[in-house]
Amino acid sequence: MTHQAEETGHGTSTDPAKGPAETSGPEPTETDMSHSADEPEPTPGSVPEPAPIAVPEFSPAPLTAPRPPTSRRLLRTALRWAAAVAVFGIVGAGTAYGIAGMERTDVPGLGTVSDGRWVYPTLTKPPLPKGSPGPLAKENRTGTHYAGLRKLVLPAPKGATADAALRGTDGWLPTKDFLTAFGEKEDREELAQKLTEYGLRHIAARGWATPDGTRTRVYLLQFDTATVVDELTGQIAPYGGPGYQLRGAADSVSDDRFPGKAQIEDVTHVVYTEAKPYGAEQTRHAYLAVGDVLALVIQDRKGTAGPVPFQQTVTLQSQLLA
């Protein structure tokens, strides 16, 4: 179920390159980030292959508050199977999922040529290891993403320049590099401790700059279970304002104007923006909680950060993770 968290505390054309499936291994630390982290072992079961996802246009709608974790997981199951009948054509018995062949008007809120939409390569979810369920499957009680996390990071759009600082080592970003996104030293130290306590396994990231002057950063943080992510999200991304303010965006507040239909079902969205006056540039960011992964999407631009590219980026990254 998509919604925005109200907890307190601190809280698709698109086609990533295919690669071999990965299996789980020990949690990496800042001293061993040069070693590639393994992905978790698959569990028994089979996963059918849905047809390409078609997303309807939307109009702005207010965000709704989250339900407690237990109720949310029960409702997710019911909505997931209902949506499978209405949205997905189940074909074959493979494990690859496509987000392809989408026309301009199929993408949420992006129906005109001059709307600022970016052109992404065709997105295809990486294949799951044989016998492994998707992160939101009923039998996947821990919400584990068995597909390679590094292949779930949204690719850069056409014409963008990659941010070399977010390439990391073997595709994994050190925690200390992730923490530079936050402004206050005390916040960085506290968040570092919190990530350790909650068992952060590894971080995959990508960044780019587009000709329109927008800078984008996407981080995927993977933990052991969905329960851990639910609890952590409530602490670092409470409703009203972020638990930890981003560098250069100290006055971010909840973005109640973010369109409800730009949100993907079964993904928890917590969206923030800088309210006027915000100085020389504006920053928008969103936390996305999906199973055992917590994603952070950040966009900033001199003047005003366009809402359409931001909504598009959040929607596509959500589809890859869900």
C-alpha atoms as a PDB file:
ATOM      1  CA  MET A   1       0.000   0.000   0.000  1.00  0.00           C
ATOM      2  CA  THR A   2       1.392   3.386  -0.837  1.00  0.00           C
ATOM      3  CA  HIS A   3       1.293   6.091   1.717  1.00  0.00           C
ATOM      4  CA  GLN A   4       3.371   8.533   3.627  1.00  0.00           C
ATOM      5  CA  ALA A   5       4.627   7.685   7.073  1.00  0.00           C
ATOM      6  CA  GLU A   6       3.292   9.547  10.075  1.00  0.00           C
ATOM      7  CA  GLU A   7       5.606   8.206  12.671  1.00  0.00           C
ATOM      8  CA  THR A   8       7.600  10.187  15.151  1.00  0.00           C
ATOM      9  CA  GLY A   9      11.200  10.049  16.034  1.00  0.00           C
ATOM     10  CA  HIS A  10      14.475  10.551  14.230  1.00  0.00           C
ATOM     11  CA  GLY A  11      14.290   9.289  12.279  1.00  0.00           C
ATOM     12  CA  THR A  12      10.108   2.824 -17.027  1.00  0.00           C
ATOM     13  CA  SER A  13      11.687   4.010 -22.414  1.00  0.00           C
ATOM     14  CA  THR A  14      14.234   2.273 -19.046  1.00  0.00           C
ATOM     15  CA  ASP A  15      17.070  -1.270 -18.933  1.00  0.00           C
ATOM     16  CA  PRO A  16      19.738  -1.750 -16.419  1.00  0.00           C
ATOM     17  CA  ALA A  17      22.550  -4.013 -17.550  1.00  0.00           C
ATOM     18  CA  LYS A  18      21.908  -7.611 -16.772  1.00  0.00           C
ATOM     19  CA  GLY A  19      24.344  -9.535 -14.677  1.00  0.00           C
ATOM     20  CA  PRO A  20      24.563 -12.730 -12.679  1.00  0.00           C
ATOM     21  CA  ALA A  21      22.349 -13.163  -9.670  1.00  0.00           C
ATOM     22  CA  GLU A  22      24.014 -12.586  -6.350  1.00  0.00           C
ATOM     23  CA  THR A  23      23.795 -14.386  -3.026  1.00  0.00           C
ATOM     24  CA  SER A  24      24.054 -13.168   0.550  1.00  0.00           C
ATOM     25  CA  GLY A  25      27.231 -12.778   2.492  1.00  0.00           C
ATOM     26  CA  PRO A  26      28.593 -11.000   5.557  1.00  0.00           C
ATOM     27  CA  GLU A  27      27.761  -7.416   6.167  1.00  0.00           C
ATOM     28  CA  PRO A  28      30.363  -5.071   4.660  1.00  0.00           C
ATOM     29  CA  THR A  29      31.967  -2.364   6.738  1.00  0.00           C
ATOM     30  CA  GLU A  30      33.778   0.799   5.750  1.00  0.00           C
ATOM     31  CA  THR A  31      37.071  -1.109   6.012  1.00  0.00           C
ATOM     32  CA  ASP A  32      36.029  -3.908   3.675  1.00  0.00           C
ATOM     33  CA  MET A  33      33.876  -2.051   1.137  1.00  0.00           C
ATOM     34  CA  SER A  34      36.353  -3.019  -1.574  1.00  0.00           C
ATOM     35  CA  HIS A  35      35.038  -6.542  -1.312  1.00  0.00           C
ATOM     36  CA  SER A  36      31.848  -7.325  -3.220  1.00  0.00           C
ATOM     37  CA  ALA A  37      28.967  -8.173  -0.883  1.00  0.00           C
ATOM     38  CA  ASP A  38      26.933 -11.232  -1.713  1.00  0.00           C
ATOM     39  CA  GLU A  39      23.197 -11.317  -2.052  1.00  0.00           C
ATOM     40  CA  PRO A  40      20.946 -13.613   0.048  1.00  0.00           C
ATOM     41  CA  GLU A  41      20.378 -17.262  -0.741  1.00  0.00           C
ATOM     42  CA  PRO A  42      17.165 -18.044  -2.672  1.00  0.00           C
ATOM     43  CA  THR A  43      14.239 -19.751  -1.043  1.00  0.00           C
ATOM     44  CA  PRO A  44      12.029 -22.468  -2.569  1.00  0.00           C
ATOM     45  CA  GLY A  45       9.092 -21.489  -4.766  1.00  0.00           C
ATOM     46  CA  SER A  46       8.421 -20.250  -8.241  1.00  0.00           C
ATOM     47  CA  VAL A  47       7.636 -16.755  -9.465  1.00  0.00           C
ATOM     48  CA  PRO A  48       5.472 -16.156 -12.612  1.00  0.00           C
ATOM     49  CA  GLU A  49       6.382 -13.425 -15.083  1.00  0.00           C
ATOM     50  CA  PRO A  50       4.065 -10.411 -15.167  1.00  0.00           C
ATOM     51  CA  ALA A  51       3.479  -8.483 -18.394  1.00  0.00           C
ATOM     52  CA  PRO A  52       4.924  -4.965 -18.770  1.00  0.00           C
ATOM     53  CA  ILE A  53       3.628  -2.472 -16.241  1.00  0.00           C
ATOM     54  CA  ALA A  54       1.296   0.272 -17.499  1.00  0.00           C
ATOM     55  CA  VAL A  55       0.888   3.193 -15.119  1.00  0.00           C
ATOM     56  CA  PRO A  56      -2.137   5.523 -15.450  1.00  0.00           C
ATOM     57  CA  GLU A  57      -1.990   9.289 -15.454  1.00  0.00           C
ATOM     58  CA  PHE A  58      -2.575  11.006 -12.172  1.00  0.00           C
ATOM     59  CA  SER A  59      -3.766  14.217 -10.663  1.00  0.00           C
ATOM     60  CA  PRO A  60      -2.393  15.610  -7.398  1.00  0.00           C
ATOM     61  CA  ALA A  61      -3.812  13.963  -4.345  1.00  0.00           C
ATOM     62  CA  PRO A  62      -2.931  14.203  -0.656  1.00  0.00           C
ATOM     63  CA  LEU A  63      -0.825  11.520   0.900  1.00  0.00           C
ATOM     64  CA  THR A  64      -2.311   9.243   3.466  1.00  0.00           C
ATOM     65  CA  ALA A  65      -0.841   8.142   6.748  1.00  0.00           C
ATOM     66  CA  PRO A  66       0.675   4.681   7.168  1.00  0.00           C
ATOM     67  CA  ARG A  67      -0.937   1.941   9.158  1.00  0.00           C
ATOM     68  CA  PRO A  68       1.027   0.047  11.796  1.00  0.00           C
ATOM     69  CA  PRO A  69       3.450  -2.516  10.261  1.00  0.00           C
ATOM     70  CA  THR A  70       1.343  -5.578  11.056  1.00  0.00           C
ATOM     71  CA  SER A  71      -1.848  -4.203   9.503  1.00  0.00           C
ATOM     72  CA  ARG A  72       0.063  -2.822   6.552  1.00  0.00           C
ATOM     73  CA  ARG A  73       1.564  -6.214   5.681  1.00  0.00           C
ATOM     74  CA  LEU A  74      -1.862  -7.873   5.811  1.00  0.00           C
ATOM     75  CA  LEU A  75      -3.362  -5.210   3.551  1.00  0.00           C
ATOM     76  CA  ARG A  76      -0.392  -5.394   1.214  1.00  0.00           C
ATOM     77  CA  THR A  77      -1.084  -9.064   0.635  1.00  0.00           C
ATOM     78  CA  ALA A  78      -4.745  -8.529  -0.205  1.00  0.00           C
ATOM     79  CA  LEU A  79      -4.069  -5.563  -2.488  1.00  0.00           C
ATOM     80  CA  ARG A  80      -1.174  -7.281  -4.180  1.00  0.00           C
ATOM     81  CA  TRP A  81      -3.272 -10.234  -5.335  1.00  0.00           C
ATOM     82  CA  ALA A  82      -6.201  -8.024  -6.321  1.00  0.00           C
ATOM     83  CA  ALA A  83      -3.842  -5.856  -8.366  1.00  0.00           C
ATOM     84  CA  ALA A  84      -2.333  -8.928  -9.984  1.00  0.00           C
ATOM     85  CA  VAL A  85      -5.722  -9.787 -11.474  1.00  0.00           C
ATOM     86  CA  ALA A  86      -6.489  -6.232 -12.605  1.00  0.00           C
ATOM     87  CA  VAL A  87      -3.068  -5.043 -13.772  1.00  0.00           C
ATOM     88  CA  PHE A  88      -0.773  -7.932 -14.583  1.00  0.00           C
ATOM     89  CA  GLY A  89      -1.247 -10.613 -17.254  1.00  0.00           C
ATOM     90  CA  ILE A  90       0.466 -13.641 -15.786  1.00  0.00           C
ATOM     91  CA  VAL A  91       2.408 -15.417 -18.501  1.00  0.00           C
ATOM     92  CA  GLY A  92       5.033 -18.178 -18.447  1.00  0.00           C
ATOM     93  CA  ALA A  93       6.975 -19.161 -15.392  1.00  0.00           C
ATOM     94  CA  GLY A  94      10.111 -17.048 -15.618  1.00  0.00           C
ATOM     95  CA  THR A  95      11.473 -14.612 -13.074  1.00  0.00           C
ATOM     96  CA  ALA A  96      12.227 -11.455 -15.085  1.00  0.00           C
ATOM     97  CA  TYR A  97       9.900  -8.467 -14.857  1.00  0.00           C
ATOM     98  CA  GLY A  98       9.563  -5.799 -17.565  1.00  0.00           C
ATOM     99  CA  ILE A  99       8.710  -2.127 -17.298  1.00  0.00           C
ATOM    100  CA  ALA A 100       8.745  -1.528 -21.042  1.00  0.00           C
ATOM    101  CA  GLY A 101       6.918  -0.058 -24.049  1.00  0.00           C
ATOM    102  CA  MET A 102       5.399   2.833 -22.122  1.00  0.00           C
ATOM    103  CA  GLU A 103       4.041   5.734 -24.139  1.00  0.00           C
ATOM    104  CA  ARG A 104       4.389   9.274 -22.851  1.00  0.00           C
ATOM    105  CA  THR A 105       0.831   9.371 -21.578  1.00  0.00           C
ATOM    106  CA  ASP A 106       1.333   6.066 -19.744  1.00  0.00           C
ATOM    107  CA  VAL A 107       3.752   7.692 -17.328  1.00  0.00           C
ATOM    108  CA  PRO A 108       2.163   9.364 -14.294  1.00  0.00           C
ATOM    109  CA  GLY A 109       1.319  13.003 -14.931  1.00  0.00           C
ATOM    110  CA  LEU A 110       3.577  13.312 -17.967  1.00  0.00           C
ATOM    111  CA  GLY A 111       1.209  13.735 -20.911  1.00  0.00           C
ATOM    112  CA  THR A 112       2.662  16.681 -22.825  1.00  0.00           C
ATOM    113  CA  VAL A 113       5.868  17.209 -24.753  1.00  0.00           C
ATOM    114  CA  SER A 114       6.903  20.248 -22.720  1.00  0.00           C
ATOM    115  CA  ASP A 115       6.370  18.807 -19.251  1.00  0.00           C
ATOM    116  CA  GLY A 116      10.084  18.413 -18.501  1.00  0.00           C
ATOM    117  CA  ARG A 117      10.022  14.639 -18.525  1.00  0.00           C
ATOM    118  CA  TRP A 118      13.398  12.927 -18.978  1.00  0.00           C
ATOM    119  CA  VAL A 119      14.011  10.073 -21.443  1.00  0.00           C
ATOM    120  CA  TYR A 120      15.152   6.902 -19.693  1.00  0.00           C
ATOM    121  CA  PRO A 121      16.337   3.648 -21.268  1.00  0.00           C
ATOM    122  CA  THR A 122      13.801   0.803 -21.159  1.00  0.00           C
ATOM    123  CA  LEU A 123      13.627  -0.491 -17.607  1.00  0.00           C
ATOM    124  CA  THR A 124      13.655  -4.217 -16.952  1.00  0.00           C
ATOM    125  CA  LYS A 125      13.885  -5.661 -13.486  1.00  0.00           C
ATOM    126  CA  PRO A 126      16.850  -8.017 -13.067  1.00  0.00           C
ATOM    127  CA  PRO A 127      15.931 -11.732 -12.969  1.00  0.00           C
ATOM    128  CA  LEU A 128      15.400 -13.414  -9.629  1.00  0.00           C
ATOM    129  CA  PRO A 129      17.460 -16.470  -8.715  1.00  0.00           C
ATOM    130  CA  LYS A 130      15.531 -19.640  -9.583  1.00  0.00           C
ATOM    131  CA  GLY A 131      12.924 -20.429  -6.954  1.00  0.00           C
ATOM    132  CA  SER A 132      13.157 -17.059  -5.211  1.00  0.00           C
ATOM    133  CA  PRO A 133      10.093 -14.881  -4.536  1.00  0.00           C
ATOM    134  CA  GLY A 134       9.852 -11.163  -5.131  1.00  0.00           C
ATOM    135  CA  PRO A 135      10.214  -8.821  -2.136  1.00  0.00           C
ATOM    136  CA  LEU A 136       6.457  -8.336  -1.748  1.00  0.00           C
ATOM    137  CA  ALA A 137       5.405 -11.945  -2.382  1.00  0.00           C
ATOM    138  CA  LYS A 138       3.220 -13.469   0.325  1.00  0.00           C
ATOM    139  CA  GLU A 139       5.743 -16.228   1.017  1.00  0.00           C
ATOM    140  CA  ASN A 140       8.610 -13.755   1.398  1.00  0.00           C
ATOM    141  CA  ARG A 141       8.046 -12.901   5.033  1.00  0.00           C
ATOM    142  CA  THR A 142      11.289 -10.964   5.452  1.00  0.00           C
ATOM    143  CA  GLY A 143      10.707  -8.819   2.353  1.00  0.00           C
ATOM    144  CA  THR A 144      14.104  -9.812   0.977  1.00  0.00           C
ATOM    145  CA  HIS A 145      15.213  -8.521  -2.424  1.00  0.00           C
ATOM    146  CA  TYR A 146      16.868 -11.599  -3.950  1.00  0.00           C
ATOM    147  CA  ALA A 147      17.750  -9.812  -7.193  1.00  0.00           C
ATOM    148  CA  GLY A 148      21.092  -8.039  -7.203  1.00  0.00           C
ATOM    149  CA  LEU A 149      20.694  -4.729  -5.369  1.00  0.00           C
ATOM    150  CA  ARG A 150      23.172  -2.916  -7.624  1.00  0.00           C
ATOM    151  CA  LYS A 151      20.987  -3.768 -10.623  1.00  0.00           C
ATOM    152  CA  LEU A 152      17.928  -2.278  -8.932  1.00  0.00           C
ATOM    153  CA  VAL A 153      19.324   1.254  -8.906  1.00  0.00           C
ATOM    154  CA  LEU A 154      17.566   3.469 -11.457  1.00  0.00           C
ATOM    155  CA  PRO A 155      19.816   4.150 -14.489  1.00  0.00           C
ATOM    156  CA  ALA A 156      20.561   7.712 -15.558  1.00  0.00           C
ATOM    157  CA  PRO A 157      18.352   9.295 -18.243  1.00  0.00           C
ATOM    158  CA  LYS A 158      19.527  10.131 -21.769  1.00  0.00           C
ATOM    159  CA  GLY A 159      21.980  13.015 -21.940  1.00  0.00           C
ATOM    160  CA  ALA A 160      22.922  12.873 -18.251  1.00  0.00           C
ATOM    161  CA  THR A 161      26.480  13.023 -16.926  1.00  0.00           C
ATOM    162  CA  ALA A 162      27.352  10.394 -14.319  1.00  0.00           C
ATOM    163  CA  ASP A 163      28.475  11.401 -10.837  1.00  0.00           C
ATOM    164  CA  ALA A 164      31.768   9.519 -10.355  1.00  0.00           C
ATOM    165  CA  ALA A 165      31.669  10.123  -6.600  1.00  0.00           C
ATOM    166  CA  LEU A 166      28.763   7.696  -6.236  1.00  0.00           C
ATOM    167  CA  ARG A 167      30.304   4.764  -8.122  1.00  0.00           C
ATOM    168  CA  GLY A 168      31.814   3.334  -4.950  1.00  0.00           C
ATOM    169  CA  THR A 169      33.906   0.158  -5.006  1.00  0.00           C
ATOM    170  CA  ASP A 170      32.541  -2.696  -7.119  1.00  0.00           C
ATOM    171  CA  GLY A 171      29.251  -0.815  -7.091  1.00  0.00           C
ATOM    172  CA  TRP A 172      29.025  -0.589  -3.306  1.00  0.00           C
ATOM    173  CA  LEU A 173      29.142   2.804  -1.648  1.00  0.00           C
ATOM    174  CA  PRO A 174      30.889   3.225   1.734  1.00  0.00           C
ATOM    175  CA  THR A 175      28.618   4.397   4.527  1.00  0.00           C
ATOM    176  CA  LYS A 176      30.795   7.449   5.134  1.00  0.00           C
ATOM    177  CA  ASP A 177      30.191   8.594   1.543  1.00  0.00           C
ATOM    178  CA  PHE A 178      26.430   8.232   1.972  1.00  0.00           C
ATOM    179  CA  LEU A 179      26.530  10.273   5.153  1.00  0.00           C
ATOM    180  CA  THR A 180      28.050  13.277   3.356  1.00  0.00           C
ATOM    181  CA  ALA A 181      24.533  13.955   2.024  1.00  0.00           C
ATOM    182  CA  PHE A 182      23.571  15.202   5.488  1.00  0.00           C
ATOM    183  CA  GLY A 183      24.475  18.650   6.732  1.00  0.00           C
ATOM    184  CA  GLU A 184      25.140  18.553  10.454  1.00  0.00           C
ATOM    185  CA  LYS A 185      28.123  16.705  11.943  1.00  0.00           C
ATOM    186  CA  GLU A 186      26.064  15.549  14.912  1.00  0.00           C
ATOM    187  CA  ASP A 187      23.384  14.204  12.584  1.00  0.00           C
ATOM    188  CA  ARG A 188      25.963  12.295  10.545  1.00  0.00           C
ATOM    189  CA  GLU A 189      27.415  10.715  13.656  1.00  0.00           C
ATOM    190  CA  GLU A 190      24.022   9.804  15.093  1.00  0.00           C
ATOM    191  CA  LEU A 191      22.761   8.393  11.797  1.00  0.00           C
ATOM    192  CA  ALA A 192      25.957   6.369  11.349  1.00  0.00           C
ATOM    193  CA  GLN A 193      25.376   4.773  14.750  1.00  0.00           C
ATOM    194  CA  LYS A 194      21.737   4.112  13.959  1.00  0.00           C
ATOM    195  CA  LEU A 195      22.595   2.416  10.643  1.00  0.00           C
ATOM    196  CA  THR A 196      25.050   0.179  12.475  1.00  0.00           C
ATOM    197  CA  GLU A 197      22.543  -0.702  15.180  1.00  0.00           C
ATOM    198  CA  TYR A 198      19.916  -1.598  12.577  1.00  0.00           C
ATOM    199  CA  GLY A 199      22.318  -3.884  10.730  1.00  0.00           C
ATOM    200  CA  LEU A 200      22.943  -2.023   7.471  1.00  0.00           C
ATOM    201  CA  ARG A 201      24.285  -4.622   5.034  1.00  0.00           C
ATOM    202  CA  HIS A 202      25.366  -2.465   2.119  1.00  0.00           C
ATOM    203  CA  ILE A 203      24.557   0.587  -0.012  1.00  0.00           C
ATOM    204  CA  ALA A 204      24.218   0.781  -3.801  1.00  0.00           C
ATOM    205  CA  ALA A 205      24.060   4.239  -5.376  1.00  0.00           C
ATOM    206  CA  ARG A 206      24.051   6.249  -8.584  1.00  0.00           C
ATOM    207  CA  GLY A 207      24.108   9.951  -9.358  1.00  0.00           C
ATOM    208  CA  TRP A 208      23.916  12.179 -12.430  1.00  0.00           C
ATOM    209  CA  ALA A 209      23.482  15.730 -13.664  1.00  0.00           C
ATOM    210  CA  THR A 210      21.181  16.661 -16.560  1.00  0.00           C
ATOM    211  CA  PRO A 211      21.480  19.526 -19.078  1.00  0.00           C
ATOM    212  CA  ASP A 212      18.635  21.376 -17.337  1.00  0.00           C
ATOM    213  CA  GLY A 213      20.909  21.793 -14.313  1.00  0.00           C
ATOM    214  CA  THR A 214      19.260  19.193 -12.079  1.00  0.00           C
ATOM    215  CA  ARG A 215      21.496  17.022  -9.931  1.00  0.00           C
ATOM    216  CA  THR A 216      20.113  13.607  -8.879  1.00  0.00           C
ATOM    217  CA  ARG A 217      21.362  11.128  -6.301  1.00  0.00           C
ATOM    218  CA  VAL A 218      19.805   7.717  -5.619  1.00  0.00           C
ATOM    219  CA  TYR A 219      20.827   5.516  -2.690  1.00  0.00           C
ATOM    220  CA  LEU A 220      19.554   1.996  -1.895  1.00  0.00           C
ATOM    221  CA  LEU A 221      20.242   0.813   1.650  1.00  0.00           C
ATOM    222  CA  GLN A 222      19.657  -2.887   2.338  1.00  0.00           C
ATOM    223  CA  PHE A 223      18.965  -4.364   5.749  1.00  0.00           C
ATOM    224  CA  ASP A 224      18.070  -7.853   7.020  1.00  0.00           C
ATOM    225  CA  THR A 225      14.282  -7.619   7.054  1.00  0.00           C
ATOM    226  CA  ALA A 226      11.316  -5.442   6.109  1.00  0.00           C
ATOM    227  CA  THR A 227      10.490  -5.061   9.793  1.00  0.00           C
ATOM    228  CA  VAL A 228      13.824  -3.359  10.388  1.00  0.00           C
ATOM    229  CA  VAL A 229      13.235  -0.996   7.460  1.00  0.00           C
ATOM    230  CA  ASP A 230       9.727  -0.130   8.674  1.00  0.00           C
ATOM    231  CA  GLU A 231      11.029   0.799  12.105  1.00  0.00           C
ATOM    232  CA  LEU A 232      14.028   2.739  10.839  1.00  0.00           C
ATOM    233  CA  THR A 233      11.923   4.685   8.337  1.00  0.00           C
ATOM    234  CA  GLY A 234       9.715   5.917  11.142  1.00  0.00           C
ATOM    235  CA  GLN A 235      12.754   7.300  12.917  1.00  0.00           C
ATOM    236  CA  ILE A 236      14.658   8.998  10.113  1.00  0.00           C
ATOM    237  CA  ALA A 237      11.700  10.018   7.937  1.00  0.00           C
ATOM    238  CA  PRO A 238       8.814  11.112  10.167  1.00  0.00           C
ATOM    239  CA  TYR A 239       5.853  13.050   8.836  1.00  0.00           C
ATOM    240  CA  GLY A 240       6.235  16.818   8.968  1.00  0.00           C
ATOM    241  CA  GLY A 241       9.964  16.999   8.349  1.00  0.00           C
ATOM    242  CA  PRO A 242      12.992  14.719   8.033  1.00  0.00           C
ATOM    243  CA  GLY A 243      14.715  13.428  11.138  1.00  0.00           C
ATOM    244  CA  TYR A 244      18.057  14.358   9.601  1.00  0.00           C
ATOM    245  CA  GLN A 245      18.242  17.382   7.299  1.00  0.00           C
ATOM    246  CA  LEU A 246      20.192  17.179   4.036  1.00  0.00           C
ATOM    247  CA  ARG A 247      23.220  19.356   3.377  1.00  0.00           C
ATOM    248  CA  GLY A 248      22.009  22.689   2.028  1.00  0.00           C
ATOM    249  CA  ALA A 249      18.351  21.900   2.714  1.00  0.00           C
ATOM    250  CA  ALA A 250      17.949  22.587   6.389  1.00  0.00           C
ATOM    251  CA  ASP A 251      14.348  23.744   6.068  1.00  0.00           C
ATOM    252  CA  SER A 252      12.812  20.741   4.282  1.00  0.00           C
ATOM    253  CA  VAL A 253       9.208  19.946   5.147  1.00  0.00           C
ATOM    254  CA  SER A 254       6.660  17.304   4.184  1.00  0.00           C
ATOM    255  CA  ASP A 255       5.545  17.665   0.545  1.00  0.00           C
ATOM    256  CA  ASP A 256       1.775  17.302   0.802  1.00  0.00           C
ATOM    257  CA  ARG A 257       1.399  18.276  -2.878  1.00  0.00           C
ATOM    258  CA  PHE A 258       3.258  15.198  -4.144  1.00  0.00           C
ATOM    259  CA  PRO A 259       0.685  13.360  -6.349  1.00  0.00           C
ATOM    260  CA  GLY A 260      -0.798  10.238  -4.841  1.00  0.00           C
ATOM    261  CA  LYS A 261      -0.812   8.504  -8.225  1.00  0.00           C
ATOM    262  CA  ALA A 262       2.928   9.026  -8.602  1.00  0.00           C
ATOM    263  CA  GLN A 263       3.233   6.565  -5.746  1.00  0.00           C
ATOM    264  CA  ILE A 264       3.501   2.844  -6.409  1.00  0.00           C
ATOM    265  CA  GLU A 265       1.329   0.415  -4.503  1.00  0.00           C
ATOM    266  CA  ASP A 266       3.020  -1.440  -1.656  1.00  0.00           C
ATOM    267  CA  VAL A 267       5.798   1.151  -1.450  1.00  0.00           C
ATOM    268  CA  THR A 268       5.952   3.499   1.534  1.00  0.00           C
ATOM    269  CA  HIS A 269       6.700   7.029   0.324  1.00  0.00           C
ATOM    270  CA  VAL A 270       7.829   9.862   2.581  1.00  0.00           C
ATOM    271  CA  VAL A 271       8.390  12.975   0.475  1.00  0.00           C
ATOM    272  CA  TYR A 272       9.963  16.303   1.426  1.00  0.00           C
ATOM    273  CA  THR A 273      10.638  19.628  -0.265  1.00  0.00           C
ATOM    274  CA  GLU A 274      12.135  22.978   0.649  1.00  0.00           C
ATOM    275  CA  ALA A 275       9.490  25.599   1.153  1.00  0.00           C
ATOM    276  CA  LYS A 276      10.038  29.203   0.006  1.00  0.00           C
ATOM    277  CA  PRO A 277      12.202  31.051   0.587  1.00  0.00           C
ATOM    278  CA  TYR A 278      14.863  28.404  -0.099  1.00  0.00           C
ATOM    279  CA  GLY A 279      17.803  30.447  -1.345  1.00  0.00           C
ATOM    280  CA  ALA A 280      19.787  29.948  -4.570  1.00  0.00           C
ATOM    281  CA  GLU A 281      18.630  26.383  -5.154  1.00  0.00           C
ATOM    282  CA  GLN A 282      15.825  24.056  -4.115  1.00  0.00           C
ATOM    283  CA  THR A 283      16.088  20.462  -2.950  1.00  0.00           C
ATOM    284  CA  ARG A 284      13.447  17.743  -3.111  1.00  0.00           C
ATOM    285  CA  HIS A 285      13.932  14.304  -1.593  1.00  0.00           C
ATOM    286  CA  ALA A 286      11.992  11.135  -0.823  1.00  0.00           C
ATOM    287  CA  TYR A 287      12.466   8.011   1.243  1.00  0.00           C
ATOM    288  CA  LEU A 288      11.014   4.808  -0.277  1.00  0.00           C
ATOM    289  CA  ALA A 289      10.611   1.729   1.918  1.00  0.00           C
ATOM    290  CA  VAL A 290      10.175  -1.563   0.031  1.00  0.00           C
ATOM    291  CA  GLY A 291      10.791  -4.847   1.827  1.00  0.00           C
ATOM    292  CA  ASP A 292      14.334  -4.947   3.175  1.00  0.00           C
ATOM    293  CA  VAL A 293      15.425  -1.855   1.207  1.00  0.00           C
ATOM    294  CA  LEU A 294      15.194   1.814   2.143  1.00  0.00           C
ATOM    295  CA  ALA A 295      15.846   4.128  -0.805  1.00  0.00           C
ATOM    296  CA  LEU A 296      16.676   7.822  -0.710  1.00  0.00           C
ATOM    297  CA  VAL A 297      16.129   9.926  -3.861  1.00  0.00           C
ATOM    298  CA  ILE A 298      17.510  13.485  -3.862  1.00  0.00           C
ATOM    299  CA  GLN A 299      17.181  16.168  -6.542  1.00  0.00           C
ATOM    300  CA  ASP A 300      18.381  19.747  -6.384  1.00  0.00           C
ATOM    301  CA  ARG A 301      18.620  22.569  -8.918  1.00  0.00           C
ATOM    302  CA  LYS A 302      19.445  26.256  -8.952  1.00  0.00           C
ATOM    303  CA  GLY A 303      16.256  28.231  -8.820  1.00  0.00           C
ATOM    304  CA  THR A 304      13.446  25.692  -8.565  1.00  0.00           C
ATOM    305  CA  ALA A 305      13.792  21.905  -8.673  1.00  0.00           C
ATOM    306  CA  GLY A 306      11.241  20.748 -11.243  1.00  0.00           C
ATOM    307  CA  PRO A 307       8.436  18.616  -9.790  1.00  0.00           C
ATOM    308  CA  VAL A 308       7.954  16.475 -12.938  1.00  0.00           C
ATOM    309  CA  PRO A 309      11.495  15.021 -13.160  1.00  0.00           C
ATOM    310  CA  PHE A 310      11.374  14.360  -9.439  1.00  0.00           C
ATOM    311  CA  GLN A 311       8.003  12.594  -9.583  1.00  0.00           C
ATOM    312  CA  GLN A 312       9.217  10.584 -12.591  1.00  0.00           C
ATOM    313  CA  THR A 313      12.405   9.507 -10.827  1.00  0.00           C
ATOM    314  CA  VAL A 314      10.597   8.512  -7.642  1.00  0.00           C
ATOM    315  CA  THR A 315       7.975   6.540  -9.600  1.00  0.00           C
ATOM    316  CA  LEU A 316      10.495   4.615 -11.710  1.00  0.00           C
ATOM    317  CA  GLN A 317      12.751   3.773  -8.777  1.00  0.00           C
ATOM    318  CA  SER A 318       9.715   2.569  -6.844  1.00  0.00           C
ATOM    319  CA  GLN A 319       8.697   0.295  -9.746  1.00  0.00           C
ATOM    320  CA  LEU A 320      12.139  -1.288  -9.870  1.00  0.00           C
ATOM    321  CA  LEU A 321      12.049  -2.072  -6.168  1.00  0.00           C
ATOM    322  CA  ALA A 322       8.425  -3.216  -5.821  1.00  0.00           C
END
